C-alpha atoms as a PDB file:
ATOM      1  CA  MET A   1       0.000   0.000   0.000  1.00  0.00           C
ATOM      2  CA  LYS A   2       2.943   2.300   0.634  1.00  0.00           C
ATOM      3  CA  ALA A   3       4.142   1.894  -2.968  1.00  0.00           C
ATOM      4  CA  ARG A   4       0.690   2.858  -4.216  1.00  0.00           C
ATOM      5  CA  ALA A   5       0.715   6.043  -2.145  1.00  0.00           C
ATOM      6  CA  VAL A   6       4.152   6.937  -3.520  1.00  0.00           C
ATOM      7  CA  LEU A   7       2.999   6.339  -7.109  1.00  0.00           C
ATOM      8  CA  VAL A   8      -0.199   8.366  -6.631  1.00  0.00           C
ATOM      9  CA  THR A   9       1.773  11.225  -5.093  1.00  0.00           C
ATOM     10  CA  ALA A  10       4.326  11.160  -7.917  1.00  0.00           C
ATOM     11  CA  GLY A  11       1.543  11.159 -10.511  1.00  0.00           C
ATOM     12  CA  LEU A  12      -0.200  14.101  -8.874  1.00  0.00           C
ATOM     13  CA  LEU A  13       3.050  16.087  -8.706  1.00  0.00           C
ATOM     14  CA  ILE A  14       3.787  15.417 -12.378  1.00  0.00           C
ATOM     15  CA  MET A  15       0.265  16.480 -13.390  1.00  0.00           C
ATOM     16  CA  ALA A  16       0.526  19.625 -11.269  1.00  0.00           C
ATOM     17  CA  TYR A  17       3.885  20.462 -12.878  1.00  0.00           C
ATOM     18  CA  ALA A  18       2.352  20.037 -16.356  1.00  0.00           C
ATOM     19  CA  ALA A  19      -0.713  22.136 -15.481  1.00  0.00           C
ATOM     20  CA  VAL A  20       1.371  24.981 -14.029  1.00  0.00           C
ATOM     21  CA  GLY A  21       3.649  24.889 -17.076  1.00  0.00           C
ATOM     22  CA  ALA A  22       0.676  25.003 -19.436  1.00  0.00           C
ATOM     23  CA  LEU A  23      -1.012  27.855 -17.571  1.00  0.00           C
ATOM     24  CA  ALA A  24       2.227  29.863 -17.531  1.00  0.00           C
ATOM     25  CA  ASP A  25       2.569  29.525 -21.326  1.00  0.00           C
ATOM     26  CA  PRO A  26       1.276  32.695 -23.019  1.00  0.00           C
ATOM     27  CA  ASP A  27       0.660  30.808 -26.281  1.00  0.00           C
ATOM     28  CA  LEU A  28      -1.692  28.266 -24.694  1.00  0.00           C
ATOM     29  CA  LYS A  29      -4.910  27.785 -26.658  1.00  0.00           C
ATOM     30  CA  PRO A  30      -7.518  26.146 -24.372  1.00  0.00           C
ATOM     31  CA  GLY A  31      -9.648  25.102 -27.341  1.00  0.00           C
ATOM     32  CA  GLY A  32      -6.738  23.239 -28.869  1.00  0.00           C
ATOM     33  CA  VAL A  33      -6.020  21.506 -25.572  1.00  0.00           C
ATOM     34  CA  LEU A  34      -9.649  20.383 -25.262  1.00  0.00           C
ATOM     35  CA  ILE A  35      -9.668  19.063 -28.837  1.00  0.00           C
ATOM     36  CA  PHE A  36      -6.436  17.163 -28.151  1.00  0.00           C
ATOM     37  CA  LEU A  37      -7.825  15.639 -24.944  1.00  0.00           C
ATOM     38  CA  ALA A  38     -11.050  14.630 -26.703  1.00  0.00           C
ATOM     39  CA  GLY A  39      -8.968  13.007 -29.452  1.00  0.00           C
ATOM     40  CA  VAL A  40      -6.928  11.084 -26.887  1.00  0.00           C
ATOM     41  CA  LEU A  41     -10.125   9.847 -25.217  1.00  0.00           C
ATOM     42  CA  VAL A  42     -11.677   8.728 -28.501  1.00  0.00           C
ATOM     43  CA  GLY A  43      -8.401   7.149 -29.633  1.00  0.00           C
ATOM     44  CA  HIS A  44      -8.117   5.212 -26.406  1.00  0.00           C
ATOM     45  CA  ASP A  45     -11.688   3.944 -26.528  1.00  0.00           C
ATOM     46  CA  ALA A  46     -11.628   3.175 -30.259  1.00  0.00           C
ATOM     47  CA  ILE A  47      -8.120   1.708 -30.621  1.00  0.00           C
ATOM     48  CA  VAL A  48      -6.375   0.760 -27.388  1.00  0.00           C
ATOM     49  CA  MET A  49      -9.316  -0.686 -25.462  1.00  0.00           C
ATOM     50  CA  PRO A  50     -10.460  -3.121 -28.201  1.00  0.00           C
ATOM     51  CA  ILE A  51      -6.873  -4.372 -28.609  1.00  0.00           C
ATOM     52  CA  VAL A  52      -6.558  -5.028 -24.867  1.00  0.00           C
ATOM     53  CA  LEU A  53      -9.963  -6.735 -24.713  1.00  0.00           C
ATOM     54  CA  ALA A  54      -9.103  -8.923 -27.721  1.00  0.00           C
ATOM     55  CA  ALA A  55      -5.756  -9.872 -26.157  1.00  0.00           C
ATOM     56  CA  GLY A  56      -7.562 -10.833 -22.945  1.00  0.00           C
ATOM     57  CA  ALA A  57     -10.064 -12.942 -24.881  1.00  0.00           C
ATOM     58  CA  VAL A  58      -7.240 -14.747 -26.675  1.00  0.00           C
ATOM     59  CA  LEU A  59      -5.241 -15.293 -23.490  1.00  0.00           C
ATOM     60  CA  ILE A  60      -8.219 -16.677 -21.582  1.00  0.00           C
ATOM     61  CA  ARG A  61      -8.503 -19.386 -24.261  1.00  0.00           C
ATOM     62  CA  ILE A  62      -4.823 -20.343 -24.543  1.00  0.00           C
ATOM     63  CA  VAL A  63      -3.678 -20.241 -20.897  1.00  0.00           C
ATOM     64  CA  PRO A  64      -4.081 -23.681 -19.267  1.00  0.00           C
ATOM     65  CA  GLN A  65      -6.717 -23.911 -16.524  1.00  0.00           C
ATOM     66  CA  ARG A  66      -4.130 -24.792 -13.865  1.00  0.00           C
ATOM     67  CA  HIS A  67      -2.512 -21.361 -14.339  1.00  0.00           C
ATOM     68  CA  LYS A  68      -5.727 -19.378 -13.990  1.00  0.00           C
ATOM     69  CA  ARG A  69      -6.896 -17.878 -10.735  1.00  0.00           C
ATOM     70  CA  ALA A  70     -10.326 -18.602  -9.282  1.00  0.00           C
ATOM     71  CA  GLN A  71     -13.110 -16.941 -11.204  1.00  0.00           C
ATOM     72  CA  ARG A  72     -16.692 -16.151 -10.292  1.00  0.00           C
ATOM     73  CA  GLY A  73     -16.375 -17.309  -6.712  1.00  0.00           C
ATOM     74  CA  ARG A  74     -14.987 -20.741  -7.530  1.00  0.00           C
ATOM     75  CA  PRO A  75     -12.035 -22.017  -5.512  1.00  0.00           C
ATOM     76  CA  PRO A  76      -8.733 -22.410  -7.379  1.00  0.00           C
ATOM     77  CA  ALA A  77      -8.068 -25.750  -9.064  1.00  0.00           C
ATOM     78  CA  GLY A  78      -7.064 -28.386  -6.521  1.00  0.00           C
ATOM     79  CA  ARG A  79      -8.686 -26.631  -3.543  1.00  0.00           C
ATOM     80  CA  LYS A  80     -11.780 -28.046  -1.903  1.00  0.00           C
ATOM     81  CA  ASN A  81     -14.759 -25.852  -1.172  1.00  0.00           C
ATOM     82  CA  SER A  82     -14.181 -26.354   2.547  1.00  0.00           C
ATOM     83  CA  GLU A  83     -10.713 -24.793   2.177  1.00  0.00           C
ATOM     84  CA  SER A  84     -12.007 -21.739   0.362  1.00  0.00           C
ATOM     85  CA  PRO A  85     -11.016 -18.515   2.143  1.00  0.00           C
ATOM     86  CA  ALA A  86     -14.175 -16.696   1.026  1.00  0.00           C
ATOM     87  CA  LYS A  87     -16.930 -18.362   3.038  1.00  0.00           C
ATOM     88  CA  PRO A  88     -20.112 -16.322   3.360  1.00  0.00           C
ATOM     89  CA  GLY A  89     -20.562 -15.082   6.892  1.00  0.00           C
ATOM     90  CA  ALA A  90     -17.047 -16.090   7.968  1.00  0.00           C
ATOM     91  CA  ASP A  91     -15.020 -13.753  10.122  1.00  0.00           C
ATOM     92  CA  HIS A  92     -11.886 -12.905   8.166  1.00  0.00           C
ATOM     93  CA  THR A  93     -10.151 -10.962  10.943  1.00  0.00           C
ATOM     94  CA  ASP A  94      -8.443 -14.019  12.413  1.00  0.00           C
ATOM     95  CA  ARG A  95      -6.090 -14.547   9.456  1.00  0.00           C
END
């Protein structure tokens, strides 16, 4: 969790640095920035996301079952239901 906090803080500092630099630029055109950001959003949703989803669909078919994690509440392969850590109503504080 500490690494996540460090990464979030670093990301926020980098974004703040970019925003201050952009606002200090006298040649900044807000309309152009908005068009660029809209283009990035559309490009991500139209190009990157379908590629990632297709790669996931391919991988789910070619990775052997023994290497997959439990899905949809099922225990991992080789584990009995009685050994499942996610029992409804169980107190998980004693782990």
